[in-house]
C-alpha atoms as a PDB file:
ATOM      1  CA  UNK A   1     118.149   9.618-149.901  1.00  0.00           C
ATOM      2  CA  UNK A   2     118.582   5.672-149.875  1.00  0.00           C
ATOM      3  CA  UNK A   3     122.475   4.985-150.906  1.00  0.00           C
ATOM      4  CA  UNK A   4     123.482   1.491-152.033  1.00  0.00           C
ATOM      5  CA  UNK A   5     126.826   0.242-151.392  1.00  0.00           C
ATOM      6  CA  UNK A   6     127.878  -2.221-153.626  1.00  0.00           C
ATOM      7  CA  UNK A   7     130.742  -4.898-152.222  1.00  0.00           C
ATOM      8  CA  UNK A   8     133.137  -5.907-155.571  1.00  0.00           C
ATOM      9  CA  UNK A   9     136.013  -8.717-154.315  1.00  0.00           C
ATOM     10  CA  UNK A  10     138.456 -10.107-156.871  1.00  0.00           C
ATOM     11  CA  UNK A  11     138.442 -14.098-155.974  1.00  0.00           C
ATOM     12  CA  UNK A  12     141.537 -15.824-156.793  1.00  0.00           C
ATOM     13  CA  UNK A  13     140.233 -19.828-157.331  1.00  0.00           C
ATOM     14  CA  UNK A  14     142.396 -22.548-158.967  1.00  0.00           C
ATOM     15  CA  UNK A  15     140.557 -23.339-162.206  1.00  0.00           C
ATOM     16  CA  UNK A  16     139.463 -27.217-162.289  1.00  0.00           C
ATOM     17  CA  UNK A  17     140.917 -28.364-165.809  1.00  0.00           C
ATOM     18  CA  UNK A  18     144.407 -27.546-166.040  1.00  0.00           C
ATOM     19  CA  UNK A  19     145.257 -26.074-162.333  1.00  0.00           C
ATOM     20  CA  UNK A  20     146.556 -23.112-163.314  1.00  0.00           C
ATOM     21  CA  UNK A  21     145.700 -20.195-161.479  1.00  0.00           C
ATOM     22  CA  UNK A  22     143.463 -17.372-162.550  1.00  0.00           C
ATOM     23  CA  UNK A  23     141.684 -14.367-161.162  1.00  0.00           C
ATOM     24  CA  UNK A  24     138.509 -14.013-161.839  1.00  0.00           C
ATOM     25  CA  UNK A  25     136.984 -10.445-162.690  1.00  0.00           C
ATOM     26  CA  UNK A  26     135.385  -8.370-160.033  1.00  0.00           C
ATOM     27  CA  UNK A  27     131.844  -9.241-158.988  1.00  0.00           C
ATOM     28  CA  UNK A  28     129.163  -7.814-157.005  1.00  0.00           C
ATOM     29  CA  UNK A  29     129.012 -10.628-153.927  1.00  0.00           C
ATOM     30  CA  UNK A  30     125.345 -10.064-154.334  1.00  0.00           C
ATOM     31  CA  UNK A  31     124.283 -10.778-157.385  1.00  0.00           C
ATOM     32  CA  UNK A  32     125.646 -14.660-156.878  1.00  0.00           C
ATOM     33  CA  UNK A  33     124.291 -14.355-153.176  1.00  0.00           C
ATOM     34  CA  UNK A  34     126.840 -16.678-152.268  1.00  0.00           C
ATOM     35  CA  UNK A  35     129.230 -15.193-149.705  1.00  0.00           C
ATOM     36  CA  UNK A  36     129.570 -19.342-148.378  1.00  0.00           C
ATOM     37  CA  UNK A  37     133.088 -20.356-149.837  1.00  0.00           C
ATOM     38  CA  UNK A  38     132.014 -23.748-150.316  1.00  0.00           C
ATOM     39  CA  UNK A  39     129.357 -23.204-152.605  1.00  0.00           C
ATOM     40  CA  UNK A  40     131.946 -20.599-154.485  1.00  0.00           C
ATOM     41  CA  UNK A  41     134.063 -23.496-154.826  1.00  0.00           C
ATOM     42  CA  UNK A  42     131.282 -25.716-156.149  1.00  0.00           C
ATOM     43  CA  UNK A  43     130.143 -22.719-158.541  1.00  0.00           C
ATOM     44  CA  UNK A  44     133.857 -22.560-159.392  1.00  0.00           C
ATOM     45  CA  UNK A  45     134.023 -26.108-160.056  1.00  0.00           C
ATOM     46  CA  UNK A  46     130.943 -26.150-161.806  1.00  0.00           C
ATOM     47  CA  UNK A  47     130.906 -23.774-164.390  1.00  0.00           C
ATOM     48  CA  UNK A  48     133.800 -21.028-163.632  1.00  0.00           C
ATOM     49  CA  UNK A  49     130.923 -19.120-162.643  1.00  0.00           C
ATOM     50  CA  UNK A  50     129.426 -18.574-165.964  1.00  0.00           C
ATOM     51  CA  UNK A  51     125.941 -18.819-165.901  1.00  0.00           C
ATOM     52  CA  UNK A  52     125.162 -19.977-169.482  1.00  0.00           C
ATOM     53  CA  UNK A  53     127.537 -22.847-168.748  1.00  0.00           C
ATOM     54  CA  UNK A  54     125.688 -26.539-170.374  1.00  0.00           C
ATOM     55  CA  UNK A  55     127.071 -30.119-169.982  1.00  0.00           C
ATOM     56  CA  UNK A  56     127.065 -31.291-173.355  1.00  0.00           C
ATOM     57  CA  UNK A  57     125.753 -34.753-171.910  1.00  0.00           C
ATOM     58  CA  UNK A  58     123.448 -33.919-169.062  1.00  0.00           C
ATOM     59  CA  UNK A  59     122.086 -30.698-170.137  1.00  0.00           C
ATOM     60  CA  UNK A  60     122.626 -29.438-166.298  1.00  0.00           C
ATOM     61  CA  UNK A  61     122.358 -26.104-166.392  1.00  0.00           C
ATOM     62  CA  UNK A  62     123.786 -22.649-164.952  1.00  0.00           C
ATOM     63  CA  UNK A  63     126.200 -21.940-162.345  1.00  0.00           C
ATOM     64  CA  UNK A  64     125.560 -24.868-160.244  1.00  0.00           C
ATOM     65  CA  UNK A  65     124.833 -26.890-163.197  1.00  0.00           C
ATOM     66  CA  UNK A  66     120.727 -27.615-161.846  1.00  0.00           C
ATOM     67  CA  UNK A  67     119.242 -30.518-163.666  1.00  0.00           C
ATOM     68  CA  UNK A  68     116.107 -31.278-163.935  1.00  0.00           C
ATOM     69  CA  UNK A  69     115.240 -33.535-161.284  1.00  0.00           C
ATOM     70  CA  UNK A  70     116.444 -30.827-158.948  1.00  0.00           C
ATOM     71  CA  UNK A  71     114.299 -28.744-159.828  1.00  0.00           C
ATOM     72  CA  UNK A  72     111.794 -31.522-159.179  1.00  0.00           C
ATOM     73  CA  UNK A  73     112.387 -31.964-156.107  1.00  0.00           C
ATOM     74  CA  UNK A  74     112.381 -28.177-154.697  1.00  0.00           C
ATOM     75  CA  UNK A  75     109.104 -27.786-156.422  1.00  0.00           C
ATOM     76  CA  UNK A  76     107.662 -30.821-153.835  1.00  0.00           C
ATOM     77  CA  UNK A  77     108.333 -28.542-151.164  1.00  0.00           C
ATOM     78  CA  UNK A  78     106.259 -25.953-152.493  1.00  0.00           C
ATOM     79  CA  UNK A  79     108.286 -24.032-154.394  1.00  0.00           C
ATOM     80  CA  UNK A  80     107.343 -23.270-158.188  1.00  0.00           C
ATOM     81  CA  UNK A  81     110.925 -22.906-159.968  1.00  0.00           C
ATOM     82  CA  UNK A  82     110.960 -23.459-164.359  1.00  0.00           C
ATOM     83  CA  UNK A  83     113.422 -25.416-166.015  1.00  0.00           C
ATOM     84  CA  UNK A  84     114.564 -21.533-167.354  1.00  0.00           C
ATOM     85  CA  UNK A  85     115.003 -20.529-163.460  1.00  0.00           C
ATOM     86  CA  UNK A  86     118.511 -23.097-164.023  1.00  0.00           C
ATOM     87  CA  UNK A  87     120.086 -19.985-165.763  1.00  0.00           C
ATOM     88  CA  UNK A  88     119.718 -17.321-162.912  1.00  0.00           C
ATOM     89  CA  UNK A  89     122.146 -17.797-160.951  1.00  0.00           C
ATOM     90  CA  UNK A  90     119.792 -16.088-157.598  1.00  0.00           C
ATOM     91  CA  UNK A  91     117.718 -18.511-158.380  1.00  0.00           C
ATOM     92  CA  UNK A  92     120.585 -21.368-159.025  1.00  0.00           C
ATOM     93  CA  UNK A  93     121.690 -20.886-155.646  1.00  0.00           C
ATOM     94  CA  UNK A  94     118.206 -20.442-154.112  1.00  0.00           C
ATOM     95  CA  UNK A  95     117.886 -23.900-155.126  1.00  0.00           C
ATOM     96  CA  UNK A  96     121.167 -24.990-153.687  1.00  0.00           C
ATOM     97  CA  UNK A  97     120.188 -23.741-150.349  1.00  0.00           C
ATOM     98  CA  UNK A  98     116.151 -25.066-150.491  1.00  0.00           C
ATOM     99  CA  UNK A  99     118.115 -28.628-151.053  1.00  0.00           C
ATOM    100  CA  UNK A 100     120.510 -27.972-148.562  1.00  0.00           C
ATOM    101  CA  UNK A 101     117.975 -27.002-145.386  1.00  0.00           C
ATOM    102  CA  UNK A 102     115.936 -30.011-146.701  1.00  0.00           C
ATOM    103  CA  UNK A 103     118.259 -32.327-147.278  1.00  0.00           C
ATOM    104  CA  UNK A 104     122.084 -31.427-144.818  1.00  0.00           C
ATOM    105  CA  UNK A 105     120.997 -28.448-141.999  1.00  0.00           C
ATOM    106  CA  UNK A 106     124.508 -29.492-140.402  1.00  0.00           C
ATOM    107  CA  UNK A 107     125.765 -28.752-144.070  1.00  0.00           C
ATOM    108  CA  UNK A 108     128.443 -31.131-144.067  1.00  0.00           C
ATOM    109  CA  UNK A 109     130.595 -30.373-147.041  1.00  0.00           C
ATOM    110  CA  UNK A 110     130.966 -34.462-148.218  1.00  0.00           C
ATOM    111  CA  UNK A 111     127.554 -34.871-147.396  1.00  0.00           C
ATOM    112  CA  UNK A 112     126.154 -31.255-149.772  1.00  0.00           C
ATOM    113  CA  UNK A 113     128.422 -32.830-152.703  1.00  0.00           C
ATOM    114  CA  UNK A 114     127.009 -36.175-152.460  1.00  0.00           C
ATOM    115  CA  UNK A 115     123.609 -34.766-152.673  1.00  0.00           C
ATOM    116  CA  UNK A 116     125.080 -32.466-155.239  1.00  0.00           C
ATOM    117  CA  UNK A 117     126.938 -34.517-157.722  1.00  0.00           C
ATOM    118  CA  UNK A 118     125.033 -38.040-156.656  1.00  0.00           C
ATOM    119  CA  UNK A 119     125.796 -40.672-154.211  1.00  0.00           C
ATOM    120  CA  UNK A 120     126.618 -44.738-154.332  1.00  0.00           C
ATOM    121  CA  UNK A 121     128.976 -45.674-157.433  1.00  0.00           C
ATOM    122  CA  UNK A 122     127.178 -43.362-159.646  1.00  0.00           C
ATOM    123  CA  UNK A 123     129.564 -41.603-162.398  1.00  0.00           C
ATOM    124  CA  UNK A 124     129.362 -38.763-164.184  1.00  0.00           C
ATOM    125  CA  UNK A 125     132.201 -37.468-167.121  1.00  0.00           C
ATOM    126  CA  UNK A 126     134.565 -40.602-165.627  1.00  0.00           C
ATOM    127  CA  UNK A 127     134.060 -39.311-161.927  1.00  0.00           C
ATOM    128  CA  UNK A 128     132.242 -40.878-158.683  1.00  0.00           C
ATOM    129  CA  UNK A 129     131.669 -38.193-155.967  1.00  0.00           C
ATOM    130  CA  UNK A 130     134.847 -38.655-153.860  1.00  0.00           C
ATOM    131  CA  UNK A 131     136.397 -37.501-156.860  1.00  0.00           C
ATOM    132  CA  UNK A 132     134.100 -34.743-157.408  1.00  0.00           C
ATOM    133  CA  UNK A 133     134.462 -33.489-153.202  1.00  0.00           C
ATOM    134  CA  UNK A 134     138.305 -33.288-154.313  1.00  0.00           C
ATOM    135  CA  UNK A 135     138.273 -31.446-156.668  1.00  0.00           C
ATOM    136  CA  UNK A 136     135.766 -29.323-154.698  1.00  0.00           C
ATOM    137  CA  UNK A 137     137.616 -29.260-151.775  1.00  0.00           C
ATOM    138  CA  UNK A 138     141.194 -28.363-153.849  1.00  0.00           C
ATOM    139  CA  UNK A 139     139.515 -25.201-155.209  1.00  0.00           C
ATOM    140  CA  UNK A 140     138.051 -24.138-151.714  1.00  0.00           C
ATOM    141  CA  UNK A 141     141.376 -24.796-149.534  1.00  0.00           C
ATOM    142  CA  UNK A 142     143.033 -22.506-151.851  1.00  0.00           C
ATOM    143  CA  UNK A 143     140.444 -19.265-151.687  1.00  0.00           C
END
């Protein structure tokens, strides 16, 4: 007989919008396959773990706010993700790791943020990549 063990955790994170403390519901770790605390901080900032989150300006979607350009990039490496896969938390996280494994093998956090957010003087929602990095790191250091 095969027994499945389900690990539940409760995470305490700082909400990026108004800096109030929130307690996320207990959630099975395997659903997000995101045991990496930095990745969890990115997800918390991007969507607060809401798999149906949509940015009204960029149309980014899902837990990691995937954009069509990200889908195109990973598919250049031989994958076949679709725009609808951005809604799936596990597939979004797979896309994250594919990008990191191709472009940030050392997994430097600042480089990960530059890749995910965009480098240079780009601004999204009034922020530069460095502003984004500081906000993600604030969440990361509080977990």
